[in-house]
Amino acid sequence: MHKGKNWQIKLGIFLMIFSGVFFAATFIIPLFELPTKTKVIASTTSLVLMEIVFWSGGLLVGKELFTKYKKQLDPRNWFKKTESTIATKE
C-alpha cells in the first residue's frame, strides 16, 4: 500500500465504525424528556448523519476494503461459518 493512501484508509475505517455512534443515538434520543417533534427531528438527523459518515468512510477506503468491512459489519454474517473454518475442522 502507498503511504499516502494509508491515512485515507485509516480515516475511512474510523468513519465507518464511528457511524455506529449515530446509529445508537437514534435509539437513545427517544428516551430523553424532550418534545415529540424534537425527538423525531433529532432521530431522523442522526440516521441521516449515520449514512453520510458511513458512506464517506466507504469512499475513503475504496471498493475492495469497503465490501470486506461491510460484510464484517453486517450482523447477519456474524455467526456464519466461513469456508476456511469448515475446511480446517474436517
C-alpha atoms as a PDB file:
ATOM      1  CA  MET A   1       0.000   0.000   0.000  1.00  0.00           C
ATOM      2  CA  HIS A   2       1.144   3.526  -0.639  1.00  0.00           C
ATOM      3  CA  LYS A   3       1.983   5.596   2.422  1.00  0.00           C
ATOM      4  CA  GLY A   4      -0.075   8.478   1.047  1.00  0.00           C
ATOM      5  CA  LYS A   5      -3.187   6.309   0.957  1.00  0.00           C
ATOM      6  CA  ASN A   6      -2.605   4.887   4.447  1.00  0.00           C
ATOM      7  CA  TRP A   7      -4.195   7.840   6.263  1.00  0.00           C
ATOM      8  CA  GLN A   8      -7.208   7.704   3.955  1.00  0.00           C
ATOM      9  CA  ILE A   9      -7.803   4.056   4.744  1.00  0.00           C
ATOM     10  CA  LYS A  10      -7.416   4.585   8.497  1.00  0.00           C
ATOM     11  CA  LEU A  11      -9.760   7.588   8.416  1.00  0.00           C
ATOM     12  CA  GLY A  12     -12.259   5.659   6.309  1.00  0.00           C
ATOM     13  CA  ILE A  13     -12.303   2.715   8.709  1.00  0.00           C
ATOM     14  CA  PHE A  14     -12.668   5.107  11.648  1.00  0.00           C
ATOM     15  CA  LEU A  15     -15.615   6.851   9.976  1.00  0.00           C
ATOM     16  CA  MET A  16     -17.321   3.553   9.194  1.00  0.00           C
ATOM     17  CA  ILE A  17     -17.033   2.449  12.830  1.00  0.00           C
ATOM     18  CA  PHE A  18     -17.888   5.920  14.186  1.00  0.00           C
ATOM     19  CA  SER A  19     -21.161   5.867  12.253  1.00  0.00           C
ATOM     20  CA  GLY A  20     -22.340   3.391  14.886  1.00  0.00           C
ATOM     21  CA  VAL A  21     -22.471   6.265  17.389  1.00  0.00           C
ATOM     22  CA  PHE A  22     -25.142   7.989  15.309  1.00  0.00           C
ATOM     23  CA  PHE A  23     -26.982   4.691  14.916  1.00  0.00           C
ATOM     24  CA  ALA A  24     -27.010   4.160  18.699  1.00  0.00           C
ATOM     25  CA  ALA A  25     -28.128   7.759  19.234  1.00  0.00           C
ATOM     26  CA  THR A  26     -31.205   7.035  17.128  1.00  0.00           C
ATOM     27  CA  PHE A  27     -32.389   4.601  19.803  1.00  0.00           C
ATOM     28  CA  ILE A  28     -31.279   6.693  22.781  1.00  0.00           C
ATOM     29  CA  ILE A  29     -32.834  10.021  21.725  1.00  0.00           C
ATOM     30  CA  PRO A  30     -36.458   8.899  22.325  1.00  0.00           C
ATOM     31  CA  LEU A  31     -35.594   8.152  25.971  1.00  0.00           C
ATOM     32  CA  PHE A  32     -34.892  11.822  26.736  1.00  0.00           C
ATOM     33  CA  GLU A  33     -37.508  14.174  28.160  1.00  0.00           C
ATOM     34  CA  LEU A  34     -37.920  16.240  25.005  1.00  0.00           C
ATOM     35  CA  PRO A  35     -40.928  17.339  22.966  1.00  0.00           C
ATOM     36  CA  THR A  36     -42.010  14.726  20.416  1.00  0.00           C
ATOM     37  CA  LYS A  37     -41.222  16.995  17.486  1.00  0.00           C
ATOM     38  CA  THR A  38     -37.649  17.446  18.737  1.00  0.00           C
ATOM     39  CA  LYS A  39     -37.218  13.686  19.205  1.00  0.00           C
ATOM     40  CA  VAL A  40     -38.394  12.970  15.667  1.00  0.00           C
ATOM     41  CA  ILE A  41     -36.133  15.613  14.140  1.00  0.00           C
ATOM     42  CA  ALA A  42     -33.107  14.519  16.200  1.00  0.00           C
ATOM     43  CA  SER A  43     -33.618  10.816  15.421  1.00  0.00           C
ATOM     44  CA  THR A  44     -34.032  11.489  11.717  1.00  0.00           C
ATOM     45  CA  THR A  45     -30.968  13.729  11.677  1.00  0.00           C
ATOM     46  CA  SER A  46     -28.995  11.052  13.486  1.00  0.00           C
ATOM     47  CA  LEU A  47     -29.945   8.423  10.894  1.00  0.00           C
ATOM     48  CA  VAL A  48     -29.037  10.727   8.016  1.00  0.00           C
ATOM     49  CA  LEU A  49     -25.683  11.575   9.627  1.00  0.00           C
ATOM     50  CA  MET A  50     -25.014   7.871  10.183  1.00  0.00           C
ATOM     51  CA  GLU A  51     -25.484   7.154   6.488  1.00  0.00           C
ATOM     52  CA  ILE A  52     -23.377  10.127   5.399  1.00  0.00           C
ATOM     53  CA  VAL A  53     -20.494   9.232   7.738  1.00  0.00           C
ATOM     54  CA  PHE A  54     -20.608   5.527   6.841  1.00  0.00           C
ATOM     55  CA  TRP A  55     -20.611   6.075   3.082  1.00  0.00           C
ATOM     56  CA  SER A  56     -17.920   8.779   3.362  1.00  0.00           C
ATOM     57  CA  GLY A  57     -15.723   6.229   5.099  1.00  0.00           C
ATOM     58  CA  GLY A  58     -16.555   3.757   2.349  1.00  0.00           C
ATOM     59  CA  LEU A  59     -15.403   6.201  -0.296  1.00  0.00           C
ATOM     60  CA  LEU A  60     -12.111   6.745   1.526  1.00  0.00           C
ATOM     61  CA  VAL A  61     -11.231   3.067   1.950  1.00  0.00           C
ATOM     62  CA  GLY A  62     -12.044   2.099  -1.619  1.00  0.00           C
ATOM     63  CA  LYS A  63     -14.275  -0.538  -3.164  1.00  0.00           C
ATOM     64  CA  GLU A  64     -12.344  -3.657  -2.125  1.00  0.00           C
ATOM     65  CA  LEU A  65     -11.895  -2.777   1.529  1.00  0.00           C
ATOM     66  CA  PHE A  66     -15.388  -1.306   1.750  1.00  0.00           C
ATOM     67  CA  THR A  67     -17.021  -4.564   0.652  1.00  0.00           C
ATOM     68  CA  LYS A  68     -14.809  -6.511   3.065  1.00  0.00           C
ATOM     69  CA  TYR A  69     -15.681  -4.324   6.074  1.00  0.00           C
ATOM     70  CA  LYS A  70     -19.325  -4.021   5.056  1.00  0.00           C
ATOM     71  CA  LYS A  71     -19.625  -7.820   5.216  1.00  0.00           C
ATOM     72  CA  GLN A  72     -17.956  -7.863   8.631  1.00  0.00           C
ATOM     73  CA  LEU A  73     -20.254  -5.139   9.999  1.00  0.00           C
ATOM     74  CA  ASP A  74     -23.406  -6.907   8.792  1.00  0.00           C
ATOM     75  CA  PRO A  75     -25.000  -8.670  11.800  1.00  0.00           C
ATOM     76  CA  ARG A  76     -26.369 -11.410   9.526  1.00  0.00           C
ATOM     77  CA  ASN A  77     -22.779 -12.566   8.859  1.00  0.00           C
ATOM     78  CA  TRP A  78     -21.504 -12.518  12.455  1.00  0.00           C
ATOM     79  CA  PHE A  79     -22.265 -16.144  13.281  1.00  0.00           C
ATOM     80  CA  LYS A  80     -21.911 -17.760   9.864  1.00  0.00           C
ATOM     81  CA  LYS A  81     -19.103 -20.234   9.394  1.00  0.00           C
ATOM     82  CA  THR A  82     -16.680 -19.378   6.625  1.00  0.00           C
ATOM     83  CA  GLU A  83     -15.433 -21.960   4.140  1.00  0.00           C
ATOM     84  CA  SER A  84     -11.902 -21.859   5.601  1.00  0.00           C
ATOM     85  CA  THR A  85     -13.273 -22.569   9.097  1.00  0.00           C
ATOM     86  CA  ILE A  86     -15.302 -25.519   7.840  1.00  0.00           C
ATOM     87  CA  ALA A  87     -12.333 -26.902   5.848  1.00  0.00           C
ATOM     88  CA  THR A  88      -9.995 -26.821   8.882  1.00  0.00           C
ATOM     89  CA  LYS A  89     -12.481 -28.709  11.087  1.00  0.00           C
ATOM     90  CA  GLU A  90     -12.747 -31.642   8.655  1.00  0.00           C
END
